[in-house]
Structures are given as C-alpha cells and as structure tokens.
Amino acid sequence: MKTLKINLKMTSIVSVLAIGVLFSCQVENNEEISQLETASQADQALISKKGEEQNCTWQGRNAVKETDIEDPVNEGKIDDRSCYSNYHETIVNTTTYGNYNVTANSNHIDTNNLQPRIERSLSRANSNSGSYVQLKGTFRILEVGYTGEDKHNGTYIAQAKGKHSKRPGAATNDGSTDPAICLFLAKPVYALGSNGKYSQVSFNIYREQITTRGGSAGDGRTLVFLKNVKRGHPTGFELKVGFRTSNGKKLHYANAKIGGTNYYWNIPEPERGLQSGIRYGAYRVKGGRARIQWANTEYVKIEK
C-alpha cells in the first residue's frame, strides 16, 4: 500500500508537470493570448497609468531629438522625441541593454500630435535587385502602452521603412513622405498578480503591414499575429528588408525571425518601392508607459 501511495503521488506530480509543459509549449508555439478577460473597470483604471509617470522630467527633456550618449551599444542614429527619459544603458545578466522608455503625450519635439518615440534609424539601401538591409539583435519587453481600448493598446518595437514612387497617373505621391511599410507591434497580456493587481505578464507580437503603398493605420494596414513572448524574456530578433528577382518578377520583402521562428512577407506593389530601411526602439504609447530594451544589435547594408 505504501508503494502504491508513492506511485500515485508521483503520477500526480508528473501530470501537473505535463500540464505546465503543455501550456509553455502552447505559448512558445505562437498561441495568441487573450489580452484582458476578467479585469474590472476599476482594475483597468489602475493599470492604465494616467498619473505622474507620464509627466516630463528635467533629465528627459532633451533640446534636440539627436540627443545620445557617447559610444552607445546599440547601432544607429537616435531619434528621441520623448521628454520622459533619455536613452540609457543597463546591464542584465552580464548583457548591456539600451533602454527606450516613453510615456503617453510626452512628444515635446513635434507640434503636430505625432506619437512619442525613442528609436534608432539605420541607413537605407537602394531598390536594385539584391540590395537589402538587415538588423539582428535581442529585445526584452517590460511594458507597453495601454488605454483600455484594444485598437489603441500596444507599442511598436521595430519597423521597416521605405519611400515609394507616385502611383501611375497620380498628380502627387500618396501617404507619408517617409512611410512605414510594416511595424512590429507588441500588445499587452494581463494577469492577476500576488499583490491583487493586474500587470503585464506577456505580449502578443503582431506585424502591422500595409495593404497598399502609402497605407496608414486604420485604413491601409492590417494586423497579422506572429507570436506571444513573456515579459522580460530575452528574445532574438532579425529583420531583413530588400529587393530580389523571382521568375523574372521584382519582389520587395520584409522577412523577420523572432524567437527562432521565421515570418516571411512580400510587400505590395514592389515596382513602386524606392528603398529599404529599418528603425527600432520604442514608438507609440497612447496610454501609460512603454519600456523596451535592445542588446547585441548588428546592422548590415548591401547595395547592388
């Protein structure tokens, strides 16, 4: 009987472990997690962070958007349009990360209501077949914007950029003068913590991709779910944007690899593409705060 009890206990332990492993595998295998299922209105008000941390600080109120530190570990030219916190670096488990922290309504540089950001811009490649740009790095997401309204939740961590030519017969070009082609958007997933409050425990990563050249959020882009990543988990990231020829046709592509999983995408109207570019950091926070970290960044530009 004693042996039977031990075996039963061991069977229970194995079953619990198996359930835990199954759940973990589901998350790693790109399961989209419900963002917020049971939080009350009061809980939502608590986690929307409409308080002091959105205010500008004297340390973060940079006079020009090119404000940077000497010899940063992250590649690219800084674009700091947030008066909350300047770019700075911290060491996490022997790895040096660059910090991109922004809050809602903290863009003190622009006067046209553009979203706050601290991003790094990388030089762009031409549109010849075989030309491309590629960013490799590791990101950690600690927090992203939250408003309580799904379409406004989340923060962009990276984006593919590239200007395009006018549509045939059009008098002027369409869309932004410096358009985003696709953006990688992190949306928050909340869970109830031991302190009795909801907090961001993981993030659903989406590719917000154009449906037509010049497309913008709301009418010219669509969201494609890619995967869920845990809060603070170092996640490998690669983005390659460029032009190539296949079966005699020119293609413009933006291929990503996130946490070891490949995501391939061909950009619409490749014949109108003029360049390929990449920006990364933290961009857009319509409510609350965003805290994104980047490390081990490498950048390659090949032009034919």
C-alpha atoms as a PDB file:
ATOM      1  CA  MET A   1       0.000   0.000   0.000  1.00  0.00           C
ATOM      2  CA  LYS A   2       2.871   2.339   0.810  1.00  0.00           C
ATOM      3  CA  THR A   3       4.384   1.746  -2.593  1.00  0.00           C
ATOM      4  CA  LEU A   4       1.018   2.371  -4.226  1.00  0.00           C
ATOM      5  CA  LYS A   5       0.644   5.745  -2.460  1.00  0.00           C
ATOM      6  CA  ILE A   6       4.090   6.844  -3.603  1.00  0.00           C
ATOM      7  CA  ASN A   7       3.313   5.815  -7.169  1.00  0.00           C
ATOM      8  CA  LEU A   8       0.019   7.691  -7.095  1.00  0.00           C
ATOM      9  CA  LYS A   9       1.777  10.784  -5.750  1.00  0.00           C
ATOM     10  CA  MET A  10       4.447  10.556  -8.414  1.00  0.00           C
ATOM     11  CA  THR A  11       1.751  10.153 -11.083  1.00  0.00           C
ATOM     12  CA  SER A  12       0.044  13.331  -9.847  1.00  0.00           C
ATOM     13  CA  ILE A  13       3.307  15.267  -9.908  1.00  0.00           C
ATOM     14  CA  VAL A  14       4.073  14.085 -13.441  1.00  0.00           C
ATOM     15  CA  SER A  15       0.562  15.075 -14.550  1.00  0.00           C
ATOM     16  CA  VAL A  16       0.969  18.590 -13.131  1.00  0.00           C
ATOM     17  CA  LEU A  17       4.358  18.940 -14.782  1.00  0.00           C
ATOM     18  CA  ALA A  18       2.946  17.703 -18.076  1.00  0.00           C
ATOM     19  CA  ILE A  19       0.184  20.321 -17.960  1.00  0.00           C
ATOM     20  CA  GLY A  20       2.751  23.033 -17.240  1.00  0.00           C
ATOM     21  CA  VAL A  21       4.941  21.892 -20.118  1.00  0.00           C
ATOM     22  CA  LEU A  22       1.925  21.765 -22.432  1.00  0.00           C
ATOM     23  CA  PHE A  23       0.964  25.352 -21.554  1.00  0.00           C
ATOM     24  CA  SER A  24       4.543  26.503 -22.026  1.00  0.00           C
ATOM     25  CA  CYS A  25       4.704  24.829 -25.426  1.00  0.00           C
ATOM     26  CA  GLN A  26       1.435  26.442 -26.452  1.00  0.00           C
ATOM     27  CA  VAL A  27       2.853  29.887 -25.709  1.00  0.00           C
ATOM     28  CA  GLU A  28       6.147  29.142 -27.483  1.00  0.00           C
ATOM     29  CA  ASN A  29       4.223  27.759 -30.474  1.00  0.00           C
ATOM     30  CA  ASN A  30       2.728  31.155 -31.181  1.00  0.00           C
ATOM     31  CA  GLU A  31      -0.607  30.922 -29.401  1.00  0.00           C
ATOM     32  CA  GLU A  32      -2.332  34.289 -29.327  1.00  0.00           C
ATOM     33  CA  ILE A  33      -3.222  35.043 -25.715  1.00  0.00           C
ATOM     34  CA  SER A  34      -6.355  36.941 -24.708  1.00  0.00           C
ATOM     35  CA  GLN A  35      -5.276  40.430 -23.720  1.00  0.00           C
ATOM     36  CA  LEU A  36      -7.628  41.045 -20.828  1.00  0.00           C
ATOM     37  CA  GLU A  37     -10.522  38.777 -19.979  1.00  0.00           C
ATOM     38  CA  THR A  38     -11.670  39.487 -16.462  1.00  0.00           C
ATOM     39  CA  ALA A  39     -10.338  42.882 -15.318  1.00  0.00           C
ATOM     40  CA  SER A  40     -12.995  45.206 -13.961  1.00  0.00           C
ATOM     41  CA  GLN A  41     -13.240  48.863 -14.925  1.00  0.00           C
ATOM     42  CA  ALA A  42     -11.510  49.750 -11.673  1.00  0.00           C
ATOM     43  CA  ASP A  43      -8.626  47.399 -12.483  1.00  0.00           C
ATOM     44  CA  GLN A  44      -8.336  48.899 -15.944  1.00  0.00           C
ATOM     45  CA  ALA A  45      -8.142  52.379 -14.452  1.00  0.00           C
ATOM     46  CA  LEU A  46      -5.320  51.233 -12.171  1.00  0.00           C
ATOM     47  CA  ILE A  47      -3.231  49.722 -14.934  1.00  0.00           C
ATOM     48  CA  SER A  48      -3.769  52.492 -17.492  1.00  0.00           C
ATOM     49  CA  LYS A  49      -1.185  54.588 -15.594  1.00  0.00           C
ATOM     50  CA  LYS A  50      -2.696  58.015 -16.156  1.00  0.00           C
ATOM     51  CA  GLY A  51      -0.544  59.571 -13.461  1.00  0.00           C
ATOM     52  CA  GLU A  52       2.711  61.244 -12.653  1.00  0.00           C
ATOM     53  CA  GLU A  53       4.900  58.861 -14.619  1.00  0.00           C
ATOM     54  CA  GLN A  54       3.567  60.340 -17.870  1.00  0.00           C
ATOM     55  CA  ASN A  55       4.999  63.738 -16.970  1.00  0.00           C
ATOM     56  CA  CYS A  56       8.169  65.121 -18.484  1.00  0.00           C
ATOM     57  CA  THR A  57      11.310  65.051 -16.366  1.00  0.00           C
ATOM     58  CA  TRP A  58      14.127  67.564 -16.449  1.00  0.00           C
ATOM     59  CA  GLN A  59      16.566  64.737 -17.240  1.00  0.00           C
ATOM     60  CA  GLY A  60      14.486  63.562 -20.200  1.00  0.00           C
ATOM     61  CA  ARG A  61      13.676  66.959 -21.725  1.00  0.00           C
ATOM     62  CA  ASN A  62      16.289  66.848 -24.489  1.00  0.00           C
ATOM     63  CA  ALA A  63      16.514  70.006 -26.594  1.00  0.00           C
ATOM     64  CA  VAL A  64      17.126  68.150 -29.871  1.00  0.00           C
ATOM     65  CA  LYS A  65      15.981  64.707 -30.985  1.00  0.00           C
ATOM     66  CA  GLU A  66      19.552  63.602 -31.796  1.00  0.00           C
ATOM     67  CA  THR A  67      20.498  63.555 -28.072  1.00  0.00           C
ATOM     68  CA  ASP A  68      22.502  60.386 -27.351  1.00  0.00           C
ATOM     69  CA  ILE A  69      25.214  59.000 -25.090  1.00  0.00           C
ATOM     70  CA  GLU A  70      28.818  58.542 -26.131  1.00  0.00           C
ATOM     71  CA  ASP A  71      29.533  55.238 -27.881  1.00  0.00           C
ATOM     72  CA  PRO A  72      26.138  53.519 -27.378  1.00  0.00           C
ATOM     73  CA  VAL A  73      25.991  49.720 -27.599  1.00  0.00           C
ATOM     74  CA  ASN A  74      23.023  49.910 -29.987  1.00  0.00           C
ATOM     75  CA  GLU A  75      23.531  50.539 -33.706  1.00  0.00           C
ATOM     76  CA  GLY A  76      22.020  53.542 -35.466  1.00  0.00           C
ATOM     77  CA  LYS A  77      21.265  57.243 -35.093  1.00  0.00           C
ATOM     78  CA  ILE A  78      18.983  58.176 -32.193  1.00  0.00           C
ATOM     79  CA  ASP A  79      15.606  59.879 -32.697  1.00  0.00           C
ATOM     80  CA  ASP A  80      14.449  60.939 -29.221  1.00  0.00           C
ATOM     81  CA  ARG A  81      11.027  62.567 -29.206  1.00  0.00           C
ATOM     82  CA  SER A  82      10.045  61.974 -25.589  1.00  0.00           C
ATOM     83  CA  CYS A  83      10.683  64.236 -22.613  1.00  0.00           C
ATOM     84  CA  TYR A  84      10.155  61.406 -20.121  1.00  0.00           C
ATOM     85  CA  SER A  85      13.506  59.610 -20.234  1.00  0.00           C
ATOM     86  CA  ASN A  86      16.579  59.779 -22.452  1.00  0.00           C
ATOM     87  CA  TYR A  87      18.283  56.713 -23.878  1.00  0.00           C
ATOM     88  CA  HIS A  88      20.443  54.979 -21.252  1.00  0.00           C
ATOM     89  CA  GLU A  89      22.019  51.584 -20.725  1.00  0.00           C
ATOM     90  CA  THR A  90      21.763  48.907 -18.049  1.00  0.00           C
ATOM     91  CA  ILE A  91      23.368  45.516 -17.520  1.00  0.00           C
ATOM     92  CA  VAL A  92      21.061  42.499 -17.203  1.00  0.00           C
ATOM     93  CA  ASN A  93      22.773  39.164 -16.509  1.00  0.00           C
ATOM     94  CA  THR A  94      26.092  40.429 -17.958  1.00  0.00           C
ATOM     95  CA  THR A  95      24.409  41.768 -21.136  1.00  0.00           C
ATOM     96  CA  THR A  96      24.275  45.523 -21.745  1.00  0.00           C
ATOM     97  CA  TYR A  97      20.866  46.706 -22.936  1.00  0.00           C
ATOM     98  CA  GLY A  98      19.840  50.056 -24.343  1.00  0.00           C
ATOM     99  CA  ASN A  99      16.655  51.399 -22.730  1.00  0.00           C
ATOM    100  CA  TYR A 100      13.835  53.010 -24.702  1.00  0.00           C
ATOM    101  CA  ASN A 101      11.277  54.390 -22.248  1.00  0.00           C
ATOM    102  CA  VAL A 102       8.412  56.625 -23.398  1.00  0.00           C
ATOM    103  CA  THR A 103       5.076  57.710 -21.966  1.00  0.00           C
ATOM    104  CA  ALA A 104       1.811  58.991 -23.404  1.00  0.00           C
ATOM    105  CA  ASN A 105       1.732  62.645 -24.514  1.00  0.00           C
ATOM    106  CA  SER A 106       5.483  63.073 -23.966  1.00  0.00           C
ATOM    107  CA  ASN A 107       6.479  64.163 -27.502  1.00  0.00           C
ATOM    108  CA  HIS A 108       7.956  67.603 -26.768  1.00  0.00           C
ATOM    109  CA  ILE A 109       9.699  67.943 -30.139  1.00  0.00           C
ATOM    110  CA  ASP A 110       6.787  67.867 -32.610  1.00  0.00           C
ATOM    111  CA  THR A 111       3.767  70.162 -32.552  1.00  0.00           C
ATOM    112  CA  ASN A 112       1.504  68.062 -34.821  1.00  0.00           C
ATOM    113  CA  ASN A 113       0.373  65.434 -32.286  1.00  0.00           C
ATOM    114  CA  LEU A 114       2.753  62.729 -33.510  1.00  0.00           C
ATOM    115  CA  GLN A 115       3.256  59.828 -31.130  1.00  0.00           C
ATOM    116  CA  PRO A 116       6.291  59.905 -28.781  1.00  0.00           C
ATOM    117  CA  ARG A 117       9.244  57.689 -29.591  1.00  0.00           C
ATOM    118  CA  ILE A 118      12.843  56.888 -28.891  1.00  0.00           C
ATOM    119  CA  GLU A 119      14.092  54.971 -31.921  1.00  0.00           C
ATOM    120  CA  ARG A 120      17.304  54.354 -33.796  1.00  0.00           C
ATOM    121  CA  SER A 121      17.378  54.962 -37.518  1.00  0.00           C
ATOM    122  CA  LEU A 122      19.651  52.965 -39.817  1.00  0.00           C
ATOM    123  CA  SER A 123      20.943  53.956 -43.262  1.00  0.00           C
ATOM    124  CA  ARG A 124      18.847  52.775 -46.203  1.00  0.00           C
ATOM    125  CA  ALA A 125      19.571  50.631 -49.223  1.00  0.00           C
ATOM    126  CA  ASN A 126      18.560  51.285 -52.840  1.00  0.00           C
ATOM    127  CA  SER A 127      15.923  49.391 -54.799  1.00  0.00           C
ATOM    128  CA  ASN A 128      18.214  47.367 -57.053  1.00  0.00           C
ATOM    129  CA  SER A 129      17.625  43.618 -57.037  1.00  0.00           C
ATOM    130  CA  GLY A 130      19.913  42.040 -54.449  1.00  0.00           C
ATOM    131  CA  SER A 131      20.104  45.143 -52.239  1.00  0.00           C
ATOM    132  CA  TYR A 132      18.945  44.797 -48.639  1.00  0.00           C
ATOM    133  CA  VAL A 133      19.295  45.949 -45.032  1.00  0.00           C
ATOM    134  CA  GLN A 134      19.345  43.592 -42.062  1.00  0.00           C
ATOM    135  CA  LEU A 135      19.101  44.150 -38.305  1.00  0.00           C
ATOM    136  CA  LYS A 136      19.922  41.464 -35.757  1.00  0.00           C
ATOM    137  CA  GLY A 137      19.513  41.876 -32.008  1.00  0.00           C
ATOM    138  CA  THR A 138      17.849  40.824 -28.775  1.00  0.00           C
ATOM    139  CA  PHE A 139      14.888  42.600 -27.207  1.00  0.00           C
ATOM    140  CA  ARG A 140      13.249  42.496 -23.793  1.00  0.00           C
ATOM    141  CA  ILE A 141       9.783  43.994 -23.311  1.00  0.00           C
ATOM    142  CA  LEU A 142       8.999  45.238 -19.814  1.00  0.00           C
ATOM    143  CA  GLU A 143       5.905  47.310 -20.520  1.00  0.00           C
ATOM    144  CA  VAL A 144       3.879  48.675 -23.441  1.00  0.00           C
ATOM    145  CA  GLY A 145       1.169  51.292 -23.836  1.00  0.00           C
ATOM    146  CA  TYR A 146      -2.315  50.573 -22.529  1.00  0.00           C
ATOM    147  CA  THR A 147      -5.522  52.607 -22.928  1.00  0.00           C
ATOM    148  CA  GLY A 148      -8.238  50.021 -22.219  1.00  0.00           C
ATOM    149  CA  GLU A 149      -9.267  50.146 -25.897  1.00  0.00           C
ATOM    150  CA  ASP A 150      -7.732  47.320 -27.908  1.00  0.00           C
ATOM    151  CA  LYS A 151      -7.067  49.254 -31.111  1.00  0.00           C
ATOM    152  CA  HIS A 152      -5.009  51.821 -29.178  1.00  0.00           C
ATOM    153  CA  ASN A 153      -3.120  49.385 -26.938  1.00  0.00           C
ATOM    154  CA  GLY A 154       0.486  48.458 -27.596  1.00  0.00           C
ATOM    155  CA  THR A 155       3.822  49.871 -28.701  1.00  0.00           C
ATOM    156  CA  TYR A 156       5.920  49.386 -31.831  1.00  0.00           C
ATOM    157  CA  ILE A 157       9.346  47.858 -31.191  1.00  0.00           C
ATOM    158  CA  ALA A 158      10.676  47.936 -34.777  1.00  0.00           C
ATOM    159  CA  GLN A 159       9.565  48.880 -38.281  1.00  0.00           C
ATOM    160  CA  ALA A 160      10.500  48.509 -41.928  1.00  0.00           C
ATOM    161  CA  LYS A 161      10.650  51.829 -43.782  1.00  0.00           C
ATOM    162  CA  GLY A 162      10.937  52.848 -47.412  1.00  0.00           C
ATOM    163  CA  LYS A 163       9.801  55.614 -49.745  1.00  0.00           C
ATOM    164  CA  HIS A 164       7.896  54.827 -52.927  1.00  0.00           C
ATOM    165  CA  SER A 165       7.178  56.420 -56.304  1.00  0.00           C
ATOM    166  CA  LYS A 166       3.906  58.003 -57.373  1.00  0.00           C
ATOM    167  CA  ARG A 167       1.085  55.774 -58.496  1.00  0.00           C
ATOM    168  CA  PRO A 168       0.837  55.771 -62.319  1.00  0.00           C
ATOM    169  CA  GLY A 169      -1.319  58.707 -63.421  1.00  0.00           C
ATOM    170  CA  ALA A 170      -1.395  60.308 -59.951  1.00  0.00           C
ATOM    171  CA  ALA A 171      -0.639  64.018 -59.616  1.00  0.00           C
ATOM    172  CA  THR A 172       1.081  63.617 -56.254  1.00  0.00           C
ATOM    173  CA  ASN A 173       2.505  60.837 -54.146  1.00  0.00           C
ATOM    174  CA  ASP A 174       0.217  59.114 -51.659  1.00  0.00           C
ATOM    175  CA  GLY A 175       0.697  58.655 -47.937  1.00  0.00           C
ATOM    176  CA  SER A 176       3.503  59.848 -45.680  1.00  0.00           C
ATOM    177  CA  THR A 177       6.670  61.407 -47.061  1.00  0.00           C
ATOM    178  CA  ASP A 178       8.591  58.752 -45.113  1.00  0.00           C
ATOM    179  CA  PRO A 179       6.194  55.811 -44.893  1.00  0.00           C
ATOM    180  CA  ALA A 180       6.282  52.754 -42.673  1.00  0.00           C
ATOM    181  CA  ILE A 181       5.947  49.519 -44.629  1.00  0.00           C
ATOM    182  CA  CYS A 182       5.357  47.212 -41.698  1.00  0.00           C
ATOM    183  CA  LEU A 183       5.672  47.687 -37.964  1.00  0.00           C
ATOM    184  CA  PHE A 184       6.155  45.100 -35.235  1.00  0.00           C
ATOM    185  CA  LEU A 185       3.571  45.834 -32.579  1.00  0.00           C
ATOM    186  CA  ALA A 186       3.623  44.453 -29.024  1.00  0.00           C
ATOM    187  CA  LYS A 187       0.209  44.344 -27.312  1.00  0.00           C
ATOM    188  CA  PRO A 188      -0.096  43.624 -23.565  1.00  0.00           C
ATOM    189  CA  VAL A 189      -1.473  40.495 -21.927  1.00  0.00           C
ATOM    190  CA  TYR A 190      -2.573  40.998 -18.313  1.00  0.00           C
ATOM    191  CA  ALA A 191      -2.891  38.613 -15.400  1.00  0.00           C
ATOM    192  CA  LEU A 192      -3.742  38.997 -11.722  1.00  0.00           C
ATOM    193  CA  GLY A 193      -0.610  39.069  -9.578  1.00  0.00           C
ATOM    194  CA  SER A 194       0.020  38.058  -5.967  1.00  0.00           C
ATOM    195  CA  ASN A 195      -0.471  41.703  -4.934  1.00  0.00           C
ATOM    196  CA  GLY A 196      -4.062  41.585  -6.146  1.00  0.00           C
ATOM    197  CA  LYS A 197      -3.410  43.876  -9.115  1.00  0.00           C
ATOM    198  CA  TYR A 198      -3.325  43.170 -12.819  1.00  0.00           C
ATOM    199  CA  SER A 199       0.013  43.533 -14.553  1.00  0.00           C
ATOM    200  CA  GLN A 200       1.501  42.889 -17.990  1.00  0.00           C
ATOM    201  CA  VAL A 201       2.872  39.333 -17.974  1.00  0.00           C
ATOM    202  CA  SER A 202       3.417  38.745 -21.694  1.00  0.00           C
ATOM    203  CA  PHE A 203       2.992  40.392 -25.070  1.00  0.00           C
ATOM    204  CA  ASN A 204       1.365  39.401 -28.331  1.00  0.00           C
ATOM    205  CA  ILE A 205       3.603  40.398 -31.232  1.00  0.00           C
ATOM    206  CA  TYR A 206       1.920  41.423 -34.495  1.00  0.00           C
ATOM    207  CA  ARG A 207       3.140  42.572 -37.880  1.00  0.00           C
ATOM    208  CA  GLU A 208       1.146  45.670 -38.838  1.00  0.00           C
ATOM    209  CA  GLN A 209       1.575  45.530 -42.604  1.00  0.00           C
ATOM    210  CA  ILE A 210       0.452  47.832 -45.391  1.00  0.00           C
ATOM    211  CA  THR A 211      -2.218  46.666 -47.811  1.00  0.00           C
ATOM    212  CA  THR A 212      -1.197  49.303 -50.349  1.00  0.00           C
ATOM    213  CA  ARG A 213       1.713  51.721 -50.708  1.00  0.00           C
ATOM    214  CA  GLY A 214       1.128  54.747 -48.512  1.00  0.00           C
ATOM    215  CA  GLY A 215      -1.285  52.842 -46.286  1.00  0.00           C
ATOM    216  CA  SER A 216      -1.590  54.037 -42.695  1.00  0.00           C
ATOM    217  CA  ALA A 217      -3.095  52.643 -39.510  1.00  0.00           C
ATOM    218  CA  GLY A 218      -6.860  52.356 -39.622  1.00  0.00           C
ATOM    219  CA  ASP A 219      -7.423  52.159 -43.365  1.00  0.00           C
ATOM    220  CA  GLY A 220      -4.299  50.979 -45.140  1.00  0.00           C
ATOM    221  CA  ARG A 221      -2.737  48.387 -42.821  1.00  0.00           C
ATOM    222  CA  THR A 222      -3.739  45.054 -41.351  1.00  0.00           C
ATOM    223  CA  LEU A 223      -2.574  43.174 -38.247  1.00  0.00           C
ATOM    224  CA  VAL A 224      -1.090  39.691 -38.519  1.00  0.00           C
ATOM    225  CA  PHE A 225      -0.414  37.833 -35.270  1.00  0.00           C
ATOM    226  CA  LEU A 226       3.082  36.348 -35.041  1.00  0.00           C
ATOM    227  CA  LYS A 227       3.754  35.066 -31.517  1.00  0.00           C
ATOM    228  CA  ASN A 228       3.494  35.625 -27.761  1.00  0.00           C
ATOM    229  CA  VAL A 229       6.600  36.466 -25.713  1.00  0.00           C
ATOM    230  CA  LYS A 230       6.962  36.606 -21.946  1.00  0.00           C
ATOM    231  CA  ARG A 231       7.664  39.810 -20.063  1.00  0.00           C
ATOM    232  CA  GLY A 232      11.399  40.429 -19.666  1.00  0.00           C
ATOM    233  CA  HIS A 233      12.359  37.355 -21.694  1.00  0.00           C
ATOM    234  CA  PRO A 234      15.393  37.954 -23.963  1.00  0.00           C
ATOM    235  CA  THR A 235      14.074  37.293 -27.460  1.00  0.00           C
ATOM    236  CA  GLY A 236      16.167  37.073 -30.619  1.00  0.00           C
ATOM    237  CA  PHE A 237      15.082  39.359 -33.449  1.00  0.00           C
ATOM    238  CA  GLU A 238      16.121  39.595 -37.094  1.00  0.00           C
ATOM    239  CA  LEU A 239      14.609  41.783 -39.792  1.00  0.00           C
ATOM    240  CA  LYS A 240      15.777  41.753 -43.415  1.00  0.00           C
ATOM    241  CA  VAL A 241      14.217  44.184 -45.894  1.00  0.00           C
ATOM    242  CA  GLY A 242      15.235  44.254 -49.538  1.00  0.00           C
ATOM    243  CA  PHE A 243      14.606  43.610 -53.220  1.00  0.00           C
ATOM    244  CA  ARG A 244      15.106  40.430 -55.220  1.00  0.00           C
ATOM    245  CA  THR A 245      14.012  38.888 -58.512  1.00  0.00           C
ATOM    246  CA  SER A 246      11.989  35.677 -58.730  1.00  0.00           C
ATOM    247  CA  ASN A 247      10.757  34.135 -62.008  1.00  0.00           C
ATOM    248  CA  GLY A 248      11.534  37.391 -63.780  1.00  0.00           C
ATOM    249  CA  LYS A 249       9.497  39.492 -61.337  1.00  0.00           C
ATOM    250  CA  LYS A 250      10.866  42.027 -58.876  1.00  0.00           C
ATOM    251  CA  LEU A 251       9.910  41.460 -55.248  1.00  0.00           C
ATOM    252  CA  HIS A 252      10.213  43.711 -52.210  1.00  0.00           C
ATOM    253  CA  TYR A 253      10.278  41.704 -48.987  1.00  0.00           C
ATOM    254  CA  ALA A 254      10.358  42.207 -45.216  1.00  0.00           C
ATOM    255  CA  ASN A 255      11.313  38.906 -43.600  1.00  0.00           C
ATOM    256  CA  ALA A 256      11.584  38.580 -39.837  1.00  0.00           C
ATOM    257  CA  LYS A 257      12.806  35.976 -37.392  1.00  0.00           C
ATOM    258  CA  ILE A 258      11.517  36.305 -33.829  1.00  0.00           C
ATOM    259  CA  GLY A 259      12.468  33.893 -31.076  1.00  0.00           C
ATOM    260  CA  GLY A 260      13.723  31.398 -33.655  1.00  0.00           C
ATOM    261  CA  THR A 261      10.578  31.443 -35.817  1.00  0.00           C
ATOM    262  CA  ASN A 262      10.662  32.787 -39.379  1.00  0.00           C
ATOM    263  CA  TYR A 263       7.971  35.108 -40.748  1.00  0.00           C
ATOM    264  CA  TYR A 264       8.154  35.832 -44.477  1.00  0.00           C
ATOM    265  CA  TRP A 265       6.228  38.627 -46.201  1.00  0.00           C
ATOM    266  CA  ASN A 266       6.314  40.197 -49.668  1.00  0.00           C
ATOM    267  CA  ILE A 267       5.473  43.908 -49.732  1.00  0.00           C
ATOM    268  CA  PRO A 268       2.664  45.046 -52.091  1.00  0.00           C
ATOM    269  CA  GLU A 269       3.450  46.981 -55.285  1.00  0.00           C
ATOM    270  CA  PRO A 270       7.182  46.168 -55.324  1.00  0.00           C
ATOM    271  CA  GLU A 271       7.677  48.108 -58.568  1.00  0.00           C
ATOM    272  CA  ARG A 272       6.936  51.354 -56.678  1.00  0.00           C
ATOM    273  CA  GLY A 273       9.455  50.739 -53.886  1.00  0.00           C
ATOM    274  CA  LEU A 274      12.471  53.080 -53.868  1.00  0.00           C
ATOM    275  CA  GLN A 275      14.400  51.993 -50.798  1.00  0.00           C
ATOM    276  CA  SER A 276      14.597  49.677 -47.784  1.00  0.00           C
ATOM    277  CA  GLY A 277      15.159  50.855 -44.224  1.00  0.00           C
ATOM    278  CA  ILE A 278      14.790  49.823 -40.570  1.00  0.00           C
ATOM    279  CA  ARG A 279      14.080  51.650 -37.320  1.00  0.00           C
ATOM    280  CA  TYR A 280      13.859  50.097 -33.850  1.00  0.00           C
ATOM    281  CA  GLY A 281      13.398  51.109 -30.206  1.00  0.00           C
ATOM    282  CA  ALA A 282      10.031  52.185 -28.795  1.00  0.00           C
ATOM    283  CA  TYR A 283       7.379  54.098 -30.748  1.00  0.00           C
ATOM    284  CA  ARG A 284       3.728  54.854 -29.896  1.00  0.00           C
ATOM    285  CA  VAL A 285       2.218  54.878 -26.449  1.00  0.00           C
ATOM    286  CA  LYS A 286      -1.343  56.200 -26.427  1.00  0.00           C
ATOM    287  CA  GLY A 287      -1.795  55.486 -22.739  1.00  0.00           C
ATOM    288  CA  GLY A 288       0.515  54.617 -19.859  1.00  0.00           C
ATOM    289  CA  ARG A 289       4.169  53.843 -20.492  1.00  0.00           C
ATOM    290  CA  ALA A 290       6.413  51.694 -22.696  1.00  0.00           C
ATOM    291  CA  ARG A 291       9.773  50.208 -21.679  1.00  0.00           C
ATOM    292  CA  ILE A 292      11.682  48.307 -24.370  1.00  0.00           C
ATOM    293  CA  GLN A 293      15.281  47.110 -24.137  1.00  0.00           C
ATOM    294  CA  TRP A 294      17.626  46.181 -27.002  1.00  0.00           C
ATOM    295  CA  ALA A 295      21.015  44.434 -26.931  1.00  0.00           C
ATOM    296  CA  ASN A 296      23.544  42.728 -29.241  1.00  0.00           C
ATOM    297  CA  THR A 297      22.463  44.781 -32.244  1.00  0.00           C
ATOM    298  CA  GLU A 298      24.196  44.235 -35.586  1.00  0.00           C
ATOM    299  CA  TYR A 299      23.370  46.012 -38.827  1.00  0.00           C
ATOM    300  CA  VAL A 300      24.256  45.149 -42.413  1.00  0.00           C
ATOM    301  CA  LYS A 301      23.533  47.115 -45.584  1.00  0.00           C
ATOM    302  CA  ILE A 302      24.214  45.591 -49.008  1.00  0.00           C
ATOM    303  CA  GLU A 303      23.701  47.593 -52.185  1.00  0.00           C
ATOM    304  CA  LYS A 304      23.949  46.275 -55.748  1.00  0.00           C
END
